[in-house]
Amino acid sequence: MSQQEGHHRQPDPTAENIKAIVEVERQAVRRASFGERVGQAISDVVGTMMFVSVHTAIMLAWIAWNGLAPPSLRFDPYPFGLLTFIVSLEGVLIATFVLIAQNRMSRQSDERDHLSLQISMLGEQELTLILKILRRISERLGMPPESEEEAHAERLSEETNVFELVRTLREQLPEAEGRRSSAGHS
């Protein structure tokens, strides 16, 4: 038996992350209401070229039949009031189903963003701690960093104030400048 076989094989972090992501997505699908699942299914069908092609063919056949067939066989003569009504009703229903699907996707995106923010914040806290530990190790070993490195490490070792960052971003993003300038003109 080789030395490698005696050790337990470490799990592949990438494979573990993929499993976790798949499980999060499965849970999101399971949490979806019946209406959300129906809305998503309809949006999935409506958002295809096959749907557009079939729809176009049906409308062209409808118009051709009601424009070219003998008058006694026309069930929706020009200006095609019944077709207009059906297409309008269908448009309202499709728009509603698409909005349902988009609302669900927006909630999922918000959840992912919150998870990503939490992981980023944990990563930042871990890196800050690592920098502090490295600075102490460097001091113990009598290996002081260069003065510019020290100043930079000192800044990076400070705890990040998320609320201060958000406030600064809000003040400096272009949208904030537009709001400030329009508020000043009122």
N, C-alpha and C. Protein backbone atom coordinates (compact mmCIF):
# COMPACT_ATOMS: atom_id res chain seq x y z
N MET A 1 0.84 -1.18 0.00
CA MET A 1 0.00 0.00 0.00
C MET A 1 0.89 1.24 0.00
N SER A 2 0.66 2.13 -0.94
CA SER A 2 1.48 3.33 -1.05
C SER A 2 1.07 4.34 0.02
N GLN A 3 1.95 5.34 0.20
CA GLN A 3 1.69 6.34 1.21
C GLN A 3 0.44 7.15 0.88
N GLN A 4 0.20 7.38 -0.42
CA GLN A 4 -0.98 8.15 -0.83
C GLN A 4 -2.26 7.40 -0.54
N GLU A 5 -2.26 6.08 -0.73
CA GLU A 5 -3.47 5.32 -0.52
C GLU A 5 -3.87 5.31 0.94
N GLY A 6 -2.90 5.42 1.85
CA GLY A 6 -3.18 5.40 3.27
C GLY A 6 -3.85 6.67 3.76
N HIS A 7 -3.65 7.78 3.06
CA HIS A 7 -4.25 9.05 3.45
C HIS A 7 -5.63 9.16 2.84
N HIS A 8 -6.51 9.82 3.59
CA HIS A 8 -7.83 10.09 3.03
C HIS A 8 -7.69 11.15 1.95
N ARG A 9 -8.39 10.96 0.90
CA ARG A 9 -8.34 11.92 -0.20
C ARG A 9 -9.14 13.16 0.19
N GLN A 10 -8.53 14.31 0.02
CA GLN A 10 -9.18 15.57 0.34
C GLN A 10 -10.26 15.85 -0.72
N PRO A 11 -11.41 16.36 -0.29
CA PRO A 11 -12.45 16.69 -1.26
C PRO A 11 -12.00 17.83 -2.17
N ASP A 12 -12.45 17.79 -3.39
CA ASP A 12 -12.14 18.83 -4.36
C ASP A 12 -13.01 20.05 -4.04
N PRO A 13 -12.40 21.18 -3.69
CA PRO A 13 -13.20 22.36 -3.32
C PRO A 13 -14.14 22.81 -4.44
N THR A 14 -13.69 22.72 -5.68
CA THR A 14 -14.54 23.13 -6.80
C THR A 14 -15.77 22.23 -6.88
N ALA A 15 -15.56 20.92 -6.77
CA ALA A 15 -16.69 19.98 -6.83
C ALA A 15 -17.64 20.23 -5.67
N GLU A 16 -17.10 20.50 -4.50
CA GLU A 16 -17.95 20.78 -3.32
C GLU A 16 -18.75 22.07 -3.54
N ASN A 17 -18.12 23.08 -4.11
CA ASN A 17 -18.82 24.34 -4.38
C ASN A 17 -19.94 24.13 -5.39
N ILE A 18 -19.67 23.35 -6.42
CA ILE A 18 -20.69 23.07 -7.44
C ILE A 18 -21.87 22.36 -6.80
N LYS A 19 -21.59 21.37 -5.94
CA LYS A 19 -22.67 20.66 -5.24
C LYS A 19 -23.51 21.62 -4.41
N ALA A 20 -22.83 22.53 -3.71
CA ALA A 20 -23.55 23.50 -2.87
C ALA A 20 -24.43 24.42 -3.73
N ILE A 21 -23.89 24.89 -4.84
CA ILE A 21 -24.67 25.77 -5.73
C ILE A 21 -25.87 25.03 -6.29
N VAL A 22 -25.67 23.78 -6.72
CA VAL A 22 -26.77 22.98 -7.26
C VAL A 22 -27.85 22.81 -6.19
N GLU A 23 -27.45 22.55 -4.96
CA GLU A 23 -28.43 22.37 -3.88
C GLU A 23 -29.19 23.66 -3.60
N VAL A 24 -28.51 24.80 -3.63
CA VAL A 24 -29.19 26.09 -3.43
C VAL A 24 -30.22 26.31 -4.53
N GLU A 25 -29.86 25.99 -5.77
CA GLU A 25 -30.80 26.15 -6.90
C GLU A 25 -31.98 25.19 -6.78
N ARG A 26 -31.72 23.96 -6.35
CA ARG A 26 -32.81 22.99 -6.15
C ARG A 26 -33.78 23.48 -5.09
N GLN A 27 -33.25 24.03 -4.01
CA GLN A 27 -34.11 24.55 -2.96
C GLN A 27 -34.96 25.71 -3.48
N ALA A 28 -34.38 26.55 -4.31
CA ALA A 28 -35.12 27.68 -4.89
C ALA A 28 -36.27 27.17 -5.76
N VAL A 29 -36.01 26.12 -6.53
CA VAL A 29 -37.06 25.53 -7.38
C VAL A 29 -38.16 24.93 -6.51
N ARG A 30 -37.77 24.26 -5.43
CA ARG A 30 -38.77 23.64 -4.54
C ARG A 30 -39.61 24.70 -3.83
N ARG A 31 -39.02 25.87 -3.53
CA ARG A 31 -39.76 26.93 -2.84
C ARG A 31 -40.72 27.67 -3.76
N ALA A 32 -40.55 27.54 -5.05
CA ALA A 32 -41.40 28.28 -6.00
C ALA A 32 -42.85 27.82 -5.85
N SER A 33 -43.76 28.78 -5.86
CA SER A 33 -45.18 28.46 -5.77
C SER A 33 -45.65 27.85 -7.08
N PHE A 34 -46.85 27.29 -7.06
CA PHE A 34 -47.43 26.72 -8.28
C PHE A 34 -47.53 27.79 -9.37
N GLY A 35 -48.01 28.96 -9.00
CA GLY A 35 -48.14 30.06 -9.97
C GLY A 35 -46.80 30.46 -10.56
N GLU A 36 -45.75 30.48 -9.73
CA GLU A 36 -44.42 30.83 -10.23
C GLU A 36 -43.91 29.76 -11.19
N ARG A 37 -44.17 28.50 -10.87
CA ARG A 37 -43.72 27.42 -11.78
C ARG A 37 -44.47 27.48 -13.11
N VAL A 38 -45.78 27.76 -13.05
CA VAL A 38 -46.56 27.89 -14.29
C VAL A 38 -46.05 29.09 -15.08
N GLY A 39 -45.85 30.22 -14.41
CA GLY A 39 -45.35 31.42 -15.07
C GLY A 39 -44.00 31.18 -15.73
N GLN A 40 -43.11 30.46 -15.03
CA GLN A 40 -41.79 30.16 -15.59
C GLN A 40 -41.91 29.24 -16.80
N ALA A 41 -42.78 28.23 -16.70
CA ALA A 41 -42.95 27.30 -17.82
C ALA A 41 -43.49 28.03 -19.05
N ILE A 42 -44.47 28.90 -18.84
CA ILE A 42 -45.03 29.66 -19.97
C ILE A 42 -43.97 30.61 -20.54
N SER A 43 -43.22 31.28 -19.68
CA SER A 43 -42.15 32.18 -20.15
C SER A 43 -41.11 31.41 -20.94
N ASP A 44 -40.79 30.18 -20.48
CA ASP A 44 -39.81 29.36 -21.19
C ASP A 44 -40.29 29.01 -22.60
N VAL A 45 -41.59 28.74 -22.75
CA VAL A 45 -42.14 28.38 -24.06
C VAL A 45 -42.26 29.63 -24.94
N VAL A 46 -42.80 30.70 -24.38
CA VAL A 46 -43.04 31.92 -25.14
C VAL A 46 -41.72 32.54 -25.62
N GLY A 47 -40.67 32.34 -24.87
CA GLY A 47 -39.39 32.95 -25.21
C GLY A 47 -38.56 32.13 -26.18
N THR A 48 -39.21 31.41 -27.10
CA THR A 48 -38.48 30.60 -28.08
C THR A 48 -38.84 31.03 -29.50
N MET A 49 -37.92 30.77 -30.41
CA MET A 49 -38.21 31.06 -31.82
C MET A 49 -39.31 30.13 -32.35
N MET A 50 -39.41 28.93 -31.80
CA MET A 50 -40.47 28.01 -32.22
C MET A 50 -41.83 28.63 -31.93
N PHE A 51 -42.00 29.23 -30.77
CA PHE A 51 -43.26 29.88 -30.42
C PHE A 51 -43.56 31.01 -31.40
N VAL A 52 -42.56 31.84 -31.66
CA VAL A 52 -42.74 32.97 -32.59
C VAL A 52 -43.12 32.45 -33.98
N SER A 53 -42.43 31.39 -34.43
CA SER A 53 -42.70 30.84 -35.76
C SER A 53 -44.10 30.28 -35.86
N VAL A 54 -44.51 29.47 -34.88
CA VAL A 54 -45.85 28.88 -34.89
C VAL A 54 -46.90 29.98 -34.79
N HIS A 55 -46.66 30.93 -33.93
CA HIS A 55 -47.59 32.04 -33.76
C HIS A 55 -47.76 32.83 -35.05
N THR A 56 -46.66 33.13 -35.68
CA THR A 56 -46.70 33.87 -36.95
C THR A 56 -47.45 33.08 -38.01
N ALA A 57 -47.17 31.79 -38.09
CA ALA A 57 -47.86 30.94 -39.08
C ALA A 57 -49.37 30.92 -38.83
N ILE A 58 -49.78 30.78 -37.59
CA ILE A 58 -51.21 30.75 -37.26
C ILE A 58 -51.87 32.08 -37.63
N MET A 59 -51.22 33.19 -37.29
CA MET A 59 -51.80 34.50 -37.61
C MET A 59 -51.88 34.72 -39.12
N LEU A 60 -50.83 34.33 -39.84
CA LEU A 60 -50.87 34.48 -41.30
C LEU A 60 -51.96 33.61 -41.91
N ALA A 61 -52.11 32.39 -41.40
CA ALA A 61 -53.17 31.50 -41.91
C ALA A 61 -54.55 32.11 -41.60
N TRP A 62 -54.72 32.64 -40.40
CA TRP A 62 -55.98 33.28 -40.00
C TRP A 62 -56.31 34.44 -40.95
N ILE A 63 -55.32 35.30 -41.17
CA ILE A 63 -55.53 36.47 -42.03
C ILE A 63 -55.80 36.02 -43.47
N ALA A 64 -55.03 35.04 -43.94
CA ALA A 64 -55.22 34.55 -45.32
C ALA A 64 -56.61 33.95 -45.48
N TRP A 65 -57.03 33.12 -44.52
CA TRP A 65 -58.34 32.48 -44.62
C TRP A 65 -59.44 33.53 -44.63
N ASN A 66 -59.36 34.46 -43.67
CA ASN A 66 -60.42 35.46 -43.56
C ASN A 66 -60.33 36.57 -44.59
N GLY A 67 -59.26 36.60 -45.36
CA GLY A 67 -59.15 37.59 -46.42
C GLY A 67 -59.39 37.00 -47.80
N LEU A 68 -59.11 35.69 -47.95
CA LEU A 68 -59.18 35.09 -49.28
C LEU A 68 -60.28 34.05 -49.45
N ALA A 69 -60.79 33.50 -48.35
CA ALA A 69 -61.82 32.45 -48.45
C ALA A 69 -63.13 33.07 -48.95
N PRO A 70 -64.02 32.23 -49.46
CA PRO A 70 -65.34 32.75 -49.87
C PRO A 70 -66.01 33.44 -48.68
N PRO A 71 -66.71 34.53 -48.92
CA PRO A 71 -67.31 35.31 -47.83
C PRO A 71 -68.14 34.47 -46.85
N SER A 72 -68.80 33.44 -47.32
CA SER A 72 -69.64 32.64 -46.42
C SER A 72 -68.80 31.80 -45.45
N LEU A 73 -67.51 31.57 -45.75
CA LEU A 73 -66.65 30.75 -44.88
C LEU A 73 -65.75 31.59 -43.97
N ARG A 74 -65.79 32.88 -44.13
CA ARG A 74 -64.96 33.76 -43.29
C ARG A 74 -65.63 33.92 -41.92
N PHE A 75 -64.87 33.61 -40.86
CA PHE A 75 -65.41 33.71 -39.51
C PHE A 75 -64.94 34.98 -38.78
N ASP A 76 -63.95 35.67 -39.35
CA ASP A 76 -63.44 36.90 -38.75
C ASP A 76 -62.98 37.83 -39.87
N PRO A 77 -63.93 38.44 -40.59
CA PRO A 77 -63.55 39.27 -41.74
C PRO A 77 -62.75 40.52 -41.31
N TYR A 78 -62.05 41.08 -42.31
CA TYR A 78 -61.28 42.30 -42.08
C TYR A 78 -62.16 43.32 -41.39
N PRO A 79 -61.73 43.96 -40.35
CA PRO A 79 -60.39 44.19 -39.82
C PRO A 79 -59.97 43.19 -38.72
N PHE A 80 -60.47 42.00 -38.78
CA PHE A 80 -60.05 40.89 -37.91
C PHE A 80 -60.21 41.22 -36.43
N GLY A 81 -61.42 41.61 -36.04
CA GLY A 81 -61.71 41.99 -34.65
C GLY A 81 -61.45 40.86 -33.66
N LEU A 82 -61.85 39.62 -34.03
CA LEU A 82 -61.64 38.49 -33.14
C LEU A 82 -60.14 38.22 -32.95
N LEU A 83 -59.40 38.25 -34.04
CA LEU A 83 -57.95 38.04 -33.96
C LEU A 83 -57.30 39.12 -33.09
N THR A 84 -57.72 40.37 -33.28
CA THR A 84 -57.18 41.47 -32.49
C THR A 84 -57.47 41.26 -31.01
N PHE A 85 -58.71 40.84 -30.69
CA PHE A 85 -59.08 40.59 -29.30
C PHE A 85 -58.24 39.46 -28.71
N ILE A 86 -58.09 38.36 -29.44
CA ILE A 86 -57.33 37.20 -28.95
C ILE A 86 -55.87 37.58 -28.73
N VAL A 87 -55.27 38.27 -29.69
CA VAL A 87 -53.86 38.66 -29.57
C VAL A 87 -53.67 39.64 -28.41
N SER A 88 -54.60 40.57 -28.22
CA SER A 88 -54.50 41.52 -27.11
C SER A 88 -54.60 40.79 -25.77
N LEU A 89 -55.57 39.90 -25.64
CA LEU A 89 -55.74 39.13 -24.41
C LEU A 89 -54.51 38.27 -24.14
N GLU A 90 -54.02 37.64 -25.19
CA GLU A 90 -52.83 36.81 -25.06
C GLU A 90 -51.62 37.65 -24.62
N GLY A 91 -51.50 38.85 -25.18
CA GLY A 91 -50.39 39.73 -24.82
C GLY A 91 -50.42 40.11 -23.35
N VAL A 92 -51.61 40.40 -22.83
CA VAL A 92 -51.73 40.74 -21.41
C VAL A 92 -51.35 39.54 -20.54
N LEU A 93 -51.85 38.35 -20.90
CA LEU A 93 -51.55 37.15 -20.11
C LEU A 93 -50.06 36.81 -20.17
N ILE A 94 -49.48 36.87 -21.37
CA ILE A 94 -48.05 36.55 -21.50
C ILE A 94 -47.21 37.55 -20.70
N ALA A 95 -47.55 38.84 -20.79
CA ALA A 95 -46.80 39.85 -20.03
C ALA A 95 -46.89 39.57 -18.54
N THR A 96 -48.06 39.16 -18.06
CA THR A 96 -48.22 38.84 -16.64
C THR A 96 -47.36 37.65 -16.25
N PHE A 97 -47.35 36.60 -17.07
CA PHE A 97 -46.54 35.42 -16.76
C PHE A 97 -45.04 35.75 -16.80
N VAL A 98 -44.65 36.58 -17.73
CA VAL A 98 -43.24 36.98 -17.81
C VAL A 98 -42.87 37.79 -16.56
N LEU A 99 -43.75 38.68 -16.12
CA LEU A 99 -43.48 39.45 -14.90
C LEU A 99 -43.38 38.55 -13.67
N ILE A 100 -44.23 37.53 -13.59
CA ILE A 100 -44.15 36.58 -12.47
C ILE A 100 -42.79 35.90 -12.48
N ALA A 101 -42.36 35.44 -13.65
CA ALA A 101 -41.07 34.77 -13.77
C ALA A 101 -39.93 35.73 -13.43
N GLN A 102 -40.03 36.98 -13.88
CA GLN A 102 -38.98 37.96 -13.59
C GLN A 102 -38.93 38.29 -12.10
N ASN A 103 -40.07 38.38 -11.45
CA ASN A 103 -40.09 38.64 -10.01
C ASN A 103 -39.39 37.52 -9.25
N ARG A 104 -39.66 36.29 -9.64
CA ARG A 104 -39.02 35.14 -9.00
C ARG A 104 -37.51 35.19 -9.23
N MET A 105 -37.11 35.46 -10.47
CA MET A 105 -35.68 35.54 -10.79
C MET A 105 -35.02 36.69 -10.03
N SER A 106 -35.73 37.78 -9.85
CA SER A 106 -35.19 38.93 -9.11
C SER A 106 -34.97 38.56 -7.64
N ARG A 107 -35.93 37.83 -7.04
CA ARG A 107 -35.75 37.40 -5.65
C ARG A 107 -34.56 36.46 -5.53
N GLN A 108 -34.43 35.54 -6.48
CA GLN A 108 -33.28 34.62 -6.46
C GLN A 108 -31.97 35.40 -6.61
N SER A 109 -31.96 36.38 -7.48
CA SER A 109 -30.76 37.20 -7.68
C SER A 109 -30.41 37.96 -6.41
N ASP A 110 -31.43 38.50 -5.74
CA ASP A 110 -31.19 39.20 -4.47
C ASP A 110 -30.59 38.25 -3.44
N GLU A 111 -31.13 37.04 -3.35
CA GLU A 111 -30.59 36.05 -2.41
C GLU A 111 -29.13 35.74 -2.74
N ARG A 112 -28.83 35.56 -4.01
CA ARG A 112 -27.45 35.28 -4.42
C ARG A 112 -26.53 36.46 -4.09
N ASP A 113 -27.03 37.68 -4.33
CA ASP A 113 -26.23 38.87 -4.02
C ASP A 113 -25.95 38.96 -2.52
N HIS A 114 -26.96 38.67 -1.70
CA HIS A 114 -26.75 38.71 -0.25
C HIS A 114 -25.75 37.65 0.18
N LEU A 115 -25.85 36.47 -0.40
CA LEU A 115 -24.90 35.40 -0.09
C LEU A 115 -23.49 35.81 -0.52
N SER A 116 -23.37 36.36 -1.70
CA SER A 116 -22.07 36.79 -2.21
C SER A 116 -21.48 37.89 -1.32
N LEU A 117 -22.31 38.82 -0.89
CA LEU A 117 -21.85 39.89 0.00
C LEU A 117 -21.37 39.30 1.32
N GLN A 118 -22.13 38.36 1.87
CA GLN A 118 -21.75 37.74 3.14
C GLN A 118 -20.40 37.03 3.00
N ILE A 119 -20.23 36.28 1.91
CA ILE A 119 -18.97 35.56 1.68
C ILE A 119 -17.83 36.54 1.49
N SER A 120 -18.07 37.61 0.76
CA SER A 120 -17.02 38.63 0.57
C SER A 120 -16.63 39.27 1.88
N MET A 121 -17.63 39.57 2.72
CA MET A 121 -17.34 40.18 4.01
C MET A 121 -16.54 39.22 4.90
N LEU A 122 -16.91 37.94 4.89
CA LEU A 122 -16.15 36.96 5.66
C LEU A 122 -14.72 36.86 5.13
N GLY A 123 -14.57 36.86 3.82
CA GLY A 123 -13.24 36.81 3.21
C GLY A 123 -12.40 38.01 3.60
N GLU A 124 -13.02 39.18 3.61
CA GLU A 124 -12.31 40.39 3.99
C GLU A 124 -11.88 40.31 5.46
N GLN A 125 -12.75 39.81 6.31
CA GLN A 125 -12.40 39.67 7.73
C GLN A 125 -11.26 38.66 7.92
N GLU A 126 -11.32 37.57 7.17
CA GLU A 126 -10.25 36.57 7.26
C GLU A 126 -8.92 37.15 6.79
N LEU A 127 -8.94 37.89 5.68
CA LEU A 127 -7.70 38.48 5.16
C LEU A 127 -7.13 39.53 6.13
N THR A 128 -8.00 40.29 6.76
CA THR A 128 -7.55 41.27 7.74
C THR A 128 -6.84 40.55 8.89
N LEU A 129 -7.43 39.47 9.37
CA LEU A 129 -6.83 38.69 10.44
C LEU A 129 -5.48 38.10 10.00
N ILE A 130 -5.42 37.58 8.80
CA ILE A 130 -4.16 37.01 8.28
C ILE A 130 -3.08 38.09 8.21
N LEU A 131 -3.43 39.29 7.74
CA LEU A 131 -2.46 40.38 7.69
C LEU A 131 -1.94 40.72 9.09
N LYS A 132 -2.83 40.76 10.07
CA LYS A 132 -2.41 41.06 11.44
C LYS A 132 -1.45 39.97 11.94
N ILE A 133 -1.78 38.71 11.68
CA ILE A 133 -0.93 37.61 12.11
C ILE A 133 0.43 37.68 11.41
N LEU A 134 0.43 37.94 10.12
CA LEU A 134 1.69 38.05 9.38
C LEU A 134 2.56 39.20 9.91
N ARG A 135 1.93 40.29 10.26
CA ARG A 135 2.70 41.42 10.81
C ARG A 135 3.34 41.03 12.14
N ARG A 136 2.61 40.30 12.98
CA ARG A 136 3.18 39.85 14.26
C ARG A 136 4.32 38.86 14.03
N ILE A 137 4.14 37.95 13.08
CA ILE A 137 5.21 36.99 12.76
C ILE A 137 6.44 37.73 12.27
N SER A 138 6.24 38.69 11.39
CA SER A 138 7.34 39.49 10.85
C SER A 138 8.08 40.21 11.97
N GLU A 139 7.34 40.77 12.91
CA GLU A 139 7.97 41.48 14.04
C GLU A 139 8.78 40.50 14.90
N ARG A 140 8.22 39.33 15.17
CA ARG A 140 8.93 38.33 15.99
C ARG A 140 10.21 37.85 15.33
N LEU A 141 10.17 37.72 14.02
CA LEU A 141 11.34 37.24 13.29
C LEU A 141 12.36 38.37 13.08
N GLY A 142 11.99 39.56 13.47
CA GLY A 142 12.90 40.69 13.30
C GLY A 142 13.06 41.09 11.85
N MET A 143 12.01 40.90 11.07
CA MET A 143 12.04 41.26 9.65
C MET A 143 11.02 42.38 9.41
N PRO A 144 11.39 43.59 9.76
CA PRO A 144 10.42 44.68 9.56
C PRO A 144 10.18 44.92 8.06
N PRO A 145 8.95 45.21 7.72
CA PRO A 145 8.67 45.50 6.30
C PRO A 145 9.23 46.86 5.90
N GLU A 146 9.31 47.07 4.62
CA GLU A 146 9.71 48.38 4.10
C GLU A 146 8.70 49.41 4.60
N SER A 147 9.12 50.65 4.70
CA SER A 147 8.24 51.68 5.25
C SER A 147 6.95 51.84 4.44
N GLU A 148 7.05 51.79 3.11
CA GLU A 148 5.83 51.93 2.30
C GLU A 148 4.94 50.70 2.44
N GLU A 149 5.56 49.51 2.58
CA GLU A 149 4.79 48.30 2.80
C GLU A 149 4.08 48.36 4.15
N GLU A 150 4.78 48.89 5.15
CA GLU A 150 4.21 48.99 6.49
C GLU A 150 2.98 49.88 6.49
N ALA A 151 3.08 51.02 5.84
CA ALA A 151 1.94 51.95 5.79
C ALA A 151 0.76 51.30 5.07
N HIS A 152 1.06 50.61 3.97
CA HIS A 152 0.00 49.95 3.22
C HIS A 152 -0.62 48.82 4.03
N ALA A 153 0.23 48.02 4.69
CA ALA A 153 -0.26 46.91 5.51
C ALA A 153 -1.07 47.44 6.69
N GLU A 154 -0.67 48.56 7.24
CA GLU A 154 -1.40 49.17 8.36
C GLU A 154 -2.82 49.51 7.94
N ARG A 155 -2.96 50.12 6.75
CA ARG A 155 -4.29 50.49 6.23
C ARG A 155 -5.13 49.25 5.96
N LEU A 156 -4.51 48.25 5.34
CA LEU A 156 -5.26 47.04 4.99
C LEU A 156 -5.62 46.21 6.21
N SER A 157 -4.91 46.38 7.30
CA SER A 157 -5.20 45.62 8.52
C SER A 157 -6.36 46.19 9.32
N GLU A 158 -6.81 47.37 8.93
CA GLU A 158 -7.94 47.99 9.63
C GLU A 158 -9.22 47.27 9.26
N GLU A 159 -10.16 47.21 10.20
CA GLU A 159 -11.46 46.62 9.93
C GLU A 159 -12.19 47.48 8.89
N THR A 160 -12.86 46.83 7.97
CA THR A 160 -13.61 47.56 6.94
C THR A 160 -14.99 47.89 7.47
N ASN A 161 -15.35 49.16 7.41
CA ASN A 161 -16.67 49.60 7.84
C ASN A 161 -17.59 49.57 6.61
N VAL A 162 -18.41 48.55 6.52
CA VAL A 162 -19.28 48.36 5.35
C VAL A 162 -20.23 49.53 5.19
N PHE A 163 -20.76 50.04 6.28
CA PHE A 163 -21.72 51.14 6.19
C PHE A 163 -21.06 52.40 5.65
N GLU A 164 -19.82 52.64 6.05
CA GLU A 164 -19.07 53.79 5.53
C GLU A 164 -18.81 53.63 4.03
N LEU A 165 -18.47 52.41 3.62
CA LEU A 165 -18.25 52.15 2.19
C LEU A 165 -19.52 52.40 1.38
N VAL A 166 -20.65 51.94 1.88
CA VAL A 166 -21.93 52.14 1.18
C VAL A 166 -22.23 53.63 1.06
N ARG A 167 -22.03 54.37 2.16
CA ARG A 167 -22.29 55.81 2.13
C ARG A 167 -21.39 56.50 1.10
N THR A 168 -20.12 56.15 1.09
CA THR A 168 -19.17 56.75 0.15
C THR A 168 -19.55 56.42 -1.29
N LEU A 169 -19.91 55.16 -1.54
CA LEU A 169 -20.33 54.77 -2.89
C LEU A 169 -21.55 55.54 -3.34
N ARG A 170 -22.53 55.66 -2.45
CA ARG A 170 -23.75 56.39 -2.81
C ARG A 170 -23.44 57.84 -3.15
N GLU A 171 -22.52 58.42 -2.42
CA GLU A 171 -22.17 59.82 -2.67
C GLU A 171 -21.40 60.00 -3.97
N GLN A 172 -20.60 59.01 -4.36
CA GLN A 172 -19.68 59.21 -5.47
C GLN A 172 -20.13 58.58 -6.79
N LEU A 173 -21.12 57.69 -6.76
CA LEU A 173 -21.58 57.09 -8.02
C LEU A 173 -22.25 58.16 -8.89
N PRO A 174 -22.15 58.02 -10.21
CA PRO A 174 -22.73 59.03 -11.11
C PRO A 174 -24.21 59.29 -10.86
N GLU A 175 -25.00 58.25 -10.50
CA GLU A 175 -26.43 58.46 -10.26
C GLU A 175 -26.64 59.42 -9.10
N ALA A 176 -25.78 59.31 -8.07
CA ALA A 176 -25.89 60.19 -6.91
C ALA A 176 -25.59 61.63 -7.30
N GLU A 177 -24.61 61.84 -8.18
CA GLU A 177 -24.28 63.18 -8.64
C GLU A 177 -25.46 63.79 -9.38
N GLY A 178 -26.14 62.97 -10.19
CA GLY A 178 -27.32 63.45 -10.92
C GLY A 178 -28.45 63.85 -10.00
N ARG A 179 -28.65 63.05 -8.93
CA ARG A 179 -29.71 63.37 -7.95
C ARG A 179 -29.36 64.65 -7.19
N ARG A 180 -28.07 64.80 -6.82
CA ARG A 180 -27.67 65.99 -6.09
C ARG A 180 -27.83 67.24 -6.95
N SER A 181 -27.44 67.16 -8.22
CA SER A 181 -27.52 68.35 -9.07
C SER A 181 -28.97 68.69 -9.38
N SER A 182 -29.84 67.70 -9.54
CA SER A 182 -31.25 68.01 -9.82
C SER A 182 -31.94 68.53 -8.56
N ALA A 183 -31.50 68.06 -7.38
CA ALA A 183 -32.08 68.57 -6.14
C ALA A 183 -31.68 70.04 -5.94
N GLY A 184 -30.46 70.39 -6.37
CA GLY A 184 -30.00 71.77 -6.23
C GLY A 184 -30.71 72.72 -7.15
N HIS A 185 -31.26 72.22 -8.25
CA HIS A 185 -31.96 73.08 -9.22
C HIS A 185 -33.44 73.24 -8.90
N SER A 186 -33.97 72.49 -7.92
CA SER A 186 -35.40 72.59 -7.64
C SER A 186 -35.74 73.79 -6.82
